[in-house]
């Protein structure tokens, strides 16, 4: 059976491989209910679609910089139950707090280094509800420019890594606020 896929720079951005990564990751969520979810790096909406299915009553906001990805997502991936904002995640201004934030910020195999900046991590901290969770998705170091040690050092300033889930090509980190 054929499934719609979107590839950028030789890497699947949306489609069955991405769905499998997010399915495995979301199966590791220990919280049974989220009410307000932010997806930074919506792409074509694969993660949002799975979140809508798992938490049908949740309000989901997806932020995506590329209008072409948004158009493809609306046409082929059916994520109409999410509020979509066409914006740069690093410039986005949240108007509310979220109990789950998904950071899926890369294009092809490139992870923007701004993701590791103190300014951006402080924004995430401000947007997160007191007992909320942040989930970061990265290609494994051998497939992209993800520097695990740098990430763990920077993230440790604001958040605690609770769990790491390995998928075929990805590492997904579940984090909570540092008290």
Protein backbone atom coordinates (compact mmCIF):
# COMPACT_ATOMS: atom_id res chain seq x y z
CA UNK A 1 0.00 0.00 0.00
CA UNK A 2 1.33 3.43 -0.94
CA UNK A 3 1.42 6.20 1.61
CA UNK A 4 2.01 9.87 1.04
CA UNK A 5 5.49 11.02 2.05
CA UNK A 6 7.33 14.32 1.92
CA UNK A 7 11.12 14.28 1.60
CA UNK A 8 13.46 17.25 2.11
CA UNK A 9 17.21 17.03 1.63
CA UNK A 10 17.06 13.24 1.37
CA UNK A 11 15.13 12.84 4.65
CA UNK A 12 11.47 12.03 5.17
CA UNK A 13 9.77 14.98 6.87
CA UNK A 14 6.26 13.50 6.82
CA UNK A 15 5.04 10.02 6.03
CA UNK A 16 5.21 6.47 7.41
CA UNK A 17 8.76 6.68 8.84
CA UNK A 18 7.91 9.88 10.71
CA UNK A 19 4.57 8.43 11.82
CA UNK A 20 6.38 5.39 13.26
CA UNK A 21 8.81 7.62 15.20
CA UNK A 22 5.98 9.67 16.71
CA UNK A 23 3.81 6.60 17.37
CA UNK A 24 6.64 5.00 19.33
CA UNK A 25 7.36 8.26 21.16
CA UNK A 26 3.73 9.00 22.06
CA UNK A 27 3.30 5.45 23.34
CA UNK A 28 5.90 6.41 25.97
CA UNK A 29 3.91 9.36 27.32
CA UNK A 30 3.01 8.65 30.92
CA UNK A 31 0.43 11.44 31.22
CA UNK A 32 -3.04 10.32 30.23
CA UNK A 33 -4.42 13.77 29.40
CA UNK A 34 -3.13 16.96 27.83
CA UNK A 35 -5.39 19.96 27.29
CA UNK A 36 -3.19 22.45 25.45
CA UNK A 37 -0.45 21.20 23.10
CA UNK A 38 2.09 23.16 21.05
CA UNK A 39 3.87 21.53 18.10
CA UNK A 40 6.89 23.53 16.96
CA UNK A 41 7.91 22.31 13.53
CA UNK A 42 4.50 21.06 12.43
CA UNK A 43 5.70 19.96 8.99
CA UNK A 44 2.77 18.27 7.29
CA UNK A 45 1.19 17.47 10.64
CA UNK A 46 2.00 13.80 11.26
CA UNK A 47 2.67 14.32 14.99
CA UNK A 48 -0.38 16.61 15.30
CA UNK A 49 -2.61 14.00 13.67
CA UNK A 50 -1.44 11.34 16.15
CA UNK A 51 -1.89 13.76 19.06
CA UNK A 52 -5.44 14.57 17.93
CA UNK A 53 -6.23 10.86 17.85
CA UNK A 54 -4.69 10.22 21.29
CA UNK A 55 -6.05 13.40 22.96
CA UNK A 56 -9.22 14.33 21.01
CA UNK A 57 -10.30 17.00 23.50
CA UNK A 58 -6.92 18.81 23.49
CA UNK A 59 -6.37 22.17 21.82
CA UNK A 60 -3.43 21.77 19.44
CA UNK A 61 -1.45 24.65 17.98
CA UNK A 62 1.06 23.84 15.25
CA UNK A 63 3.76 26.28 14.21
CA UNK A 64 5.36 25.78 10.79
CA UNK A 65 7.65 28.19 8.92
CA UNK A 66 7.09 26.70 5.45
CA UNK A 67 3.72 27.52 3.82
CA UNK A 68 4.26 24.74 1.28
CA UNK A 69 4.44 22.15 4.09
CA UNK A 70 1.23 23.57 5.57
CA UNK A 71 -0.55 23.36 2.21
CA UNK A 72 0.64 19.77 1.65
CA UNK A 73 -0.41 18.86 5.19
CA UNK A 74 -3.90 20.27 4.74
CA UNK A 75 -4.35 18.55 1.38
CA UNK A 76 -2.81 15.13 2.03
CA UNK A 77 -2.35 14.60 5.77
CA UNK A 78 -5.70 15.86 7.08
CA UNK A 79 -4.78 17.71 10.29
CA UNK A 80 -7.73 20.10 10.25
CA UNK A 81 -8.34 19.81 14.00
CA UNK A 82 -5.16 21.74 14.80
CA UNK A 83 -4.78 25.52 14.79
CA UNK A 84 -1.97 26.19 12.33
CA UNK A 85 0.32 29.23 12.56
CA UNK A 86 2.64 30.00 9.65
CA UNK A 87 5.62 31.38 11.59
CA UNK A 88 9.21 30.80 12.54
CA UNK A 89 9.19 28.84 15.82
CA UNK A 90 12.05 31.00 17.09
CA UNK A 91 10.01 34.19 16.53
CA UNK A 92 6.66 32.74 17.66
CA UNK A 93 4.95 34.40 20.62
CA UNK A 94 2.69 32.12 22.61
CA UNK A 95 -0.43 33.64 24.11
CA UNK A 96 -1.04 30.82 26.54
CA UNK A 97 0.78 28.09 28.43
CA UNK A 98 0.96 24.50 27.26
CA UNK A 99 1.04 21.21 29.13
CA UNK A 100 2.86 19.54 26.23
CA UNK A 101 5.33 21.12 23.82
CA UNK A 102 6.72 19.13 20.90
CA UNK A 103 9.98 20.44 19.37
CA UNK A 104 10.49 18.90 15.95
CA UNK A 105 12.65 21.64 14.51
CA UNK A 106 14.80 20.62 11.60
CA UNK A 107 14.78 20.70 7.84
CA UNK A 108 16.27 17.72 6.10
CA UNK A 109 19.00 16.67 8.50
CA UNK A 110 19.84 20.18 9.73
CA UNK A 111 19.01 21.12 13.32
CA UNK A 112 19.00 24.90 13.84
CA UNK A 113 21.58 25.82 16.47
CA UNK A 114 19.13 28.44 17.84
CA UNK A 115 17.31 25.50 19.39
CA UNK A 116 20.12 25.28 21.95
CA UNK A 117 20.20 28.99 22.78
CA UNK A 118 19.43 30.16 26.28
CA UNK A 119 16.90 32.63 24.86
CA UNK A 120 14.88 29.92 23.12
CA UNK A 121 15.06 27.51 26.05
CA UNK A 122 13.83 30.32 28.32
CA UNK A 123 10.86 30.86 25.98
CA UNK A 124 10.01 27.17 26.19
CA UNK A 125 10.24 27.36 29.98
CA UNK A 126 7.86 30.35 30.03
CA UNK A 127 5.36 28.61 27.75
CA UNK A 128 5.31 25.37 29.73
CA UNK A 129 2.73 24.73 32.45
CA UNK A 130 4.22 23.97 35.86
CA UNK A 131 3.89 20.18 35.49
CA UNK A 132 4.13 20.14 31.70
CA UNK A 133 6.36 18.11 29.41
CA UNK A 134 8.58 18.97 26.47
CA UNK A 135 9.44 16.41 23.82
CA UNK A 136 12.43 16.97 21.52
CA UNK A 137 12.89 14.94 18.33
CA UNK A 138 16.32 14.69 16.68
CA UNK A 139 17.90 12.60 13.98
CA UNK A 140 20.56 10.40 15.54
CA UNK A 141 24.04 11.98 15.34
CA UNK A 142 25.17 9.68 12.51
CA UNK A 143 22.36 11.02 10.27
CA UNK A 144 22.53 14.75 10.97
CA UNK A 145 24.18 17.54 12.89
CA UNK A 146 22.69 16.64 16.30
CA UNK A 147 25.28 16.96 19.04
CA UNK A 148 23.93 14.92 21.94
CA UNK A 149 26.40 16.24 24.55
CA UNK A 150 25.75 19.87 23.60
CA UNK A 151 22.00 19.28 23.79
CA UNK A 152 22.17 17.57 27.19
CA UNK A 153 24.40 20.33 28.59
CA UNK A 154 22.15 23.14 27.35
CA UNK A 155 18.83 21.48 28.16
CA UNK A 156 20.07 20.73 31.68
CA UNK A 157 20.07 24.45 32.45
CA UNK A 158 16.25 24.59 32.31
CA UNK A 159 14.90 21.05 32.06
CA UNK A 160 15.46 17.50 33.24
CA UNK A 161 15.55 14.68 30.71
CA UNK A 162 13.14 12.06 32.03
CA UNK A 163 13.42 9.52 29.23
CA UNK A 164 15.02 8.91 25.85
CA UNK A 165 13.28 6.80 23.21
CA UNK A 166 15.31 5.41 20.32
CA UNK A 167 13.61 4.96 16.98
CA UNK A 168 15.31 3.73 13.80
CA UNK A 169 16.79 7.08 12.79
CA UNK A 170 15.71 9.34 15.65
CA UNK A 171 16.20 10.02 19.33
CA UNK A 172 13.23 11.46 21.19
CA UNK A 173 13.78 13.13 24.57
CA UNK A 174 11.04 13.63 27.15
CA UNK A 175 11.81 16.52 29.50
CA UNK A 176 10.20 18.27 32.44
CA UNK A 177 10.86 21.61 34.07
CA UNK A 178 13.77 21.82 36.48
CA UNK A 179 12.42 22.81 39.91
